[in-house]
Amino acid sequence: MKRFMISELMDEYMDNEVFPQGGETADAGAVKARVLAKAAPARKKPRPHLKTVLIAAALAAVGVLCVAAGLPMMTYQLFTGGTMVADVEMSGPNRHIYFDLRNAFPEDPLVLEDGRLWLVLNGERTDITDRIDVETPYIVEYTDPETGLRSSLILGGTWENFGWCLWQELPNQGGYSAYGYNYCVTHFVYDGVAYEVPYGDNLDESLLSKENDWEDVKIVWQPWCEKGEQEAQVFARNR
């Protein structure tokens, strides 16, 4: 497994939902971050998941309440060039923090050009075609110098079936949240027809509206993602 520190790629950079088997248990904040991340990167332009729309609307309402109550809504700049927003929700005496990673990537970090796979990150381009496969991830690790939060960008697959995943440590939560493209595939049967839908791909609106009628629903994780996720959690724990 090939691992690279972010400094190797950017020397001049200044400045269940269900979790994979072997993954660390996440709290409610991490789980909601996974749900909010159902929207794929901008280039994929998927139709939003109905639950995502409802949660996003609720989150917007929470934002108004946060402002009214003087509670912070923090935006964290990620090494991917995107952002993570931490939102606070009050429920009686309890406070819940939710994380929105839908803007984590301003552009696709893995691009196919002429049969080669290129990692594109903050203006830097690296050919990683021969460094990844179905079982082998390429990992970019980063520690934020201001917050100390750790992130791992995990990429893998082949030119015919590739994807990526951001494992981001969540502030004050002790958990991690995943966001990306095609790092897992949802298998289900509807009206006698079997479907395989990579995470982040478009799904017909008629199928989404019938989600409660899906049968034999199963989420299958890409092998490269499972291995990369294990490495990412080790990296996050090693202070």
Protein backbone atom coordinates (compact mmCIF):
# COMPACT_ATOMS: atom_id res chain seq x y z
CA MET A 1 0.00 0.00 0.00
CA LYS A 2 1.47 3.29 -1.09
CA ARG A 3 1.12 6.20 1.36
CA PHE A 4 2.20 9.78 0.85
CA MET A 5 2.27 12.79 3.14
CA ILE A 6 0.61 15.89 1.77
CA SER A 7 3.92 17.75 1.93
CA GLU A 8 5.31 15.44 -0.76
CA LEU A 9 2.70 16.67 -3.21
CA MET A 10 2.35 20.29 -2.10
CA ASP A 11 5.72 21.51 -0.85
CA GLU A 12 4.72 25.10 -1.37
CA TYR A 13 1.26 24.88 0.21
CA MET A 14 1.20 27.45 3.01
CA ASP A 15 -1.37 28.74 4.12
CA ASN A 16 -25.68 5.24 8.05
CA GLU A 17 -25.71 5.43 7.62
CA VAL A 18 -23.31 2.49 7.58
CA PHE A 19 -19.56 2.60 8.15
CA PRO A 20 -17.15 0.02 6.72
CA GLN A 21 -16.46 -3.13 8.63
CA GLY A 22 -13.58 -2.53 10.98
CA GLY A 23 -14.44 1.17 11.05
CA GLU A 24 -14.66 3.19 14.21
CA THR A 25 -18.13 3.77 15.64
CA ALA A 26 -19.28 7.31 14.99
CA ASP A 27 -21.70 9.42 17.00
CA ALA A 28 -24.85 11.13 15.77
CA GLY A 29 -22.90 14.09 14.40
CA ALA A 30 -20.74 11.86 12.24
CA VAL A 31 -23.72 9.87 11.04
CA LYS A 32 -25.60 12.98 9.99
CA ALA A 33 -22.52 14.19 8.16
CA ARG A 34 -22.67 10.96 6.15
CA VAL A 35 -26.35 11.56 5.35
CA LEU A 36 -25.73 15.17 4.32
CA ALA A 37 -22.91 14.02 2.06
CA LYS A 38 -25.34 12.10 -0.17
CA ALA A 39 -24.99 14.81 -2.80
CA ALA A 40 -22.14 13.85 -5.18
CA PRO A 41 -19.34 16.21 -6.28
CA ALA A 42 -20.48 19.03 -8.55
CA ARG A 43 -19.37 17.38 -11.79
CA LYS A 44 -21.56 14.36 -11.12
CA LYS A 45 -24.65 16.55 -10.54
CA PRO A 46 -26.90 13.83 -9.03
CA ARG A 47 -30.50 14.32 -8.14
CA PRO A 48 -30.59 14.98 -4.38
CA HIS A 49 -31.71 12.17 -2.13
CA LEU A 50 -35.13 12.96 -0.64
CA LYS A 51 -33.83 12.50 2.91
CA THR A 52 -30.91 14.77 2.09
CA VAL A 53 -33.27 17.52 0.95
CA LEU A 54 -35.29 17.29 4.14
CA ILE A 55 -32.22 17.28 6.37
CA ALA A 56 -30.64 20.15 4.47
CA ALA A 57 -33.80 22.17 4.92
CA ALA A 58 -33.79 21.40 8.62
CA LEU A 59 -30.13 22.33 8.80
CA ALA A 60 -30.85 25.69 7.17
CA ALA A 61 -33.51 26.35 9.77
CA VAL A 62 -31.07 25.39 12.51
CA GLY A 63 -28.61 27.90 11.09
CA VAL A 64 -31.15 30.67 11.59
CA LEU A 65 -31.73 29.55 15.15
CA CYS A 66 -27.98 29.45 15.77
CA VAL A 67 -27.62 33.04 14.69
CA ALA A 68 -30.54 34.09 16.82
CA ALA A 69 -29.16 32.30 19.84
CA GLY A 70 -25.64 33.55 19.28
CA LEU A 71 -24.31 30.03 18.77
CA PRO A 72 -21.36 29.50 16.42
CA MET A 73 -21.58 28.04 12.95
CA MET A 74 -17.97 27.25 12.07
CA THR A 75 -16.48 26.79 8.61
CA TYR A 76 -13.29 24.73 8.34
CA GLN A 77 -11.02 25.07 5.31
CA LEU A 78 -9.95 21.62 4.08
CA PHE A 79 -6.68 20.75 2.36
CA THR A 80 -8.73 19.60 -0.63
CA GLY A 81 -9.52 23.25 -1.30
CA GLY A 82 -13.11 22.83 -0.11
CA THR A 83 -14.85 23.41 3.20
CA MET A 84 -16.57 21.63 6.07
CA VAL A 85 -19.31 23.45 7.98
CA ALA A 86 -20.05 22.65 11.63
CA ASP A 87 -23.59 23.56 12.66
CA VAL A 88 -24.98 23.62 16.19
CA GLU A 89 -28.46 22.45 17.13
CA MET A 90 -29.98 22.93 20.56
CA SER A 91 -32.44 20.36 21.86
CA GLY A 92 -33.49 21.37 25.33
CA PRO A 93 -30.34 21.42 27.47
CA ASN A 94 -28.45 19.34 24.92
CA ARG A 95 -26.30 20.60 22.09
CA HIS A 96 -25.69 18.63 18.90
CA ILE A 97 -23.07 19.47 16.28
CA TYR A 98 -23.62 18.41 12.69
CA PHE A 99 -21.05 18.49 9.90
CA ASP A 100 -21.72 19.28 6.25
CA LEU A 101 -19.06 18.01 3.81
CA ARG A 102 -20.95 18.60 0.57
CA ASN A 103 -18.48 21.31 -0.45
CA ALA A 104 -15.37 19.30 0.46
CA PHE A 105 -14.21 19.10 -3.17
CA PRO A 106 -14.29 22.13 -5.49
CA GLU A 107 -13.35 19.73 -8.32
CA ASP A 108 -13.00 15.99 -8.82
CA PRO A 109 -9.68 14.92 -7.24
CA LEU A 110 -9.24 11.93 -9.58
CA VAL A 111 -9.53 12.50 -13.32
CA LEU A 112 -9.29 10.05 -16.23
CA GLU A 113 -7.37 11.37 -19.23
CA ASP A 114 -6.25 9.19 -22.16
CA GLY A 115 -6.40 6.04 -20.08
CA ARG A 116 -4.39 7.54 -17.20
CA LEU A 117 -5.69 8.49 -13.74
CA TRP A 118 -4.52 11.84 -12.41
CA LEU A 119 -4.73 13.10 -8.84
CA VAL A 120 -5.66 16.79 -9.06
CA LEU A 121 -5.19 18.66 -5.80
CA ASN A 122 -4.72 22.39 -5.28
CA GLY A 123 -3.32 22.90 -8.75
CA GLU A 124 -0.93 19.94 -8.55
CA ARG A 125 -1.31 16.95 -10.91
CA THR A 126 0.12 13.50 -10.17
CA ASP A 127 -0.22 10.39 -12.35
CA ILE A 128 -1.22 7.60 -9.95
CA THR A 129 -2.44 5.07 -12.55
CA ASP A 130 0.22 2.51 -11.66
CA ARG A 131 -0.01 3.15 -7.93
CA ILE A 132 -3.61 2.04 -7.41
CA ASP A 133 -5.79 -0.92 -8.27
CA VAL A 134 -8.89 -2.72 -7.00
CA GLU A 135 -7.12 -3.67 -3.77
CA THR A 136 -4.53 -0.90 -3.41
CA PRO A 137 -5.32 2.68 -2.33
CA TYR A 138 -3.23 5.80 -2.76
CA ILE A 139 -3.49 7.91 0.41
CA VAL A 140 -2.76 11.58 0.93
CA GLU A 141 -2.49 12.42 4.64
CA TYR A 142 -2.80 15.89 6.12
CA THR A 143 -2.81 17.51 9.54
CA ASP A 144 -4.29 21.00 9.81
CA PRO A 145 -1.65 23.21 11.50
CA GLU A 146 -4.32 25.40 13.13
CA THR A 147 -6.90 22.89 14.37
CA GLY A 148 -4.77 19.73 14.54
CA LEU A 149 -7.54 17.83 12.73
CA ARG A 150 -6.36 15.00 10.52
CA SER A 151 -7.62 14.05 7.08
CA SER A 152 -6.92 11.29 4.59
CA LEU A 153 -7.82 11.44 0.93
CA ILE A 154 -8.12 7.84 -0.28
CA LEU A 155 -8.12 7.03 -3.99
CA GLY A 156 -8.26 3.69 -5.74
CA GLY A 157 -9.58 1.39 -8.46
CA THR A 158 -8.85 1.11 -12.16
CA TRP A 159 -9.40 3.40 -15.13
CA GLU A 160 -12.67 1.55 -15.73
CA ASN A 161 -13.91 1.73 -12.15
CA PHE A 162 -12.20 4.31 -9.92
CA GLY A 163 -13.23 6.44 -6.98
CA TRP A 164 -12.12 8.43 -3.95
CA CYS A 165 -13.04 9.01 -0.35
CA LEU A 166 -12.23 11.74 2.19
CA TRP A 167 -11.96 10.53 5.78
CA GLN A 168 -12.14 13.67 7.89
CA GLU A 169 -11.63 13.84 11.64
CA LEU A 170 -14.51 15.78 13.21
CA PRO A 171 -13.75 18.46 15.82
CA ASN A 172 -14.86 17.61 19.36
CA GLN A 173 -16.58 14.41 18.18
CA GLY A 174 -13.97 11.65 18.37
CA GLY A 175 -15.28 10.19 15.12
CA TYR A 176 -14.70 10.36 11.39
CA SER A 177 -16.90 11.10 8.44
CA ALA A 178 -16.64 9.83 4.86
CA TYR A 179 -17.44 11.67 1.67
CA GLY A 180 -16.49 10.93 -1.92
CA TYR A 181 -17.41 9.03 -5.06
CA ASN A 182 -17.75 5.33 -5.85
CA TYR A 183 -16.10 4.14 -2.66
CA CYS A 184 -19.11 1.90 -2.08
CA VAL A 185 -21.93 0.51 -4.18
CA THR A 186 -25.58 0.13 -3.17
CA HIS A 187 -27.22 -3.08 -4.39
CA PHE A 188 -31.00 -3.43 -4.27
CA VAL A 189 -33.95 -5.01 -6.03
CA TYR A 190 -37.05 -3.08 -7.07
CA ASP A 191 -40.00 -4.49 -9.00
CA GLY A 192 -37.99 -7.60 -9.81
CA VAL A 193 -35.05 -5.67 -11.28
CA ALA A 194 -31.59 -5.68 -9.65
CA TYR A 195 -29.67 -2.40 -9.45
CA GLU A 196 -26.06 -1.55 -8.63
CA VAL A 197 -25.52 2.14 -7.89
CA PRO A 198 -22.07 3.54 -7.07
CA TYR A 199 -22.09 6.14 -4.31
CA GLY A 200 -22.48 9.55 -5.95
CA ASP A 201 -24.02 8.38 -9.24
CA ASN A 202 -27.32 9.70 -10.49
CA LEU A 203 -30.37 7.66 -9.62
CA ASP A 204 -33.69 8.03 -11.38
CA GLU A 205 -36.18 10.11 -9.39
CA SER A 206 -38.84 7.41 -9.72
CA LEU A 207 -36.53 4.91 -8.02
CA LEU A 208 -35.69 7.36 -5.23
CA SER A 209 -39.36 7.98 -4.53
CA LYS A 210 -39.86 4.21 -4.10
CA GLU A 211 -36.89 3.72 -1.76
CA ASN A 212 -39.05 2.30 1.01
CA ASP A 213 -40.04 -0.51 -1.36
CA TRP A 214 -36.51 -1.55 -2.24
CA GLU A 215 -35.65 -5.15 -1.40
CA ASP A 216 -32.40 -6.94 -0.54
CA VAL A 217 -30.61 -3.64 0.04
CA LYS A 218 -26.90 -4.11 0.60
CA ILE A 219 -23.94 -1.71 0.64
CA VAL A 220 -20.68 -3.16 -0.68
CA TRP A 221 -17.46 -1.29 0.03
CA GLN A 222 -14.66 -1.12 -2.50
CA PRO A 223 -11.67 -3.17 -1.25
CA TRP A 224 -9.26 -0.25 -1.76
CA CYS A 225 -11.54 1.94 0.37
CA GLU A 226 -11.71 -0.56 3.21
CA LYS A 227 -7.92 -0.78 3.35
CA GLY A 228 -7.50 2.97 3.06
CA GLU A 229 -10.07 3.61 5.78
CA GLN A 230 -8.13 1.42 8.18
CA GLU A 231 -4.94 3.34 7.43
CA ALA A 232 -6.76 6.66 7.81
CA GLN A 233 -7.99 5.80 11.28
CA VAL A 234 -4.52 4.70 12.36
CA PHE A 235 -3.14 8.01 11.11
CA ALA A 236 -5.85 9.96 12.96
CA ARG A 237 -5.09 8.19 16.24
CA ASN A 238 -1.32 8.63 16.10
CA ARG A 239 -0.72 11.99 17.76
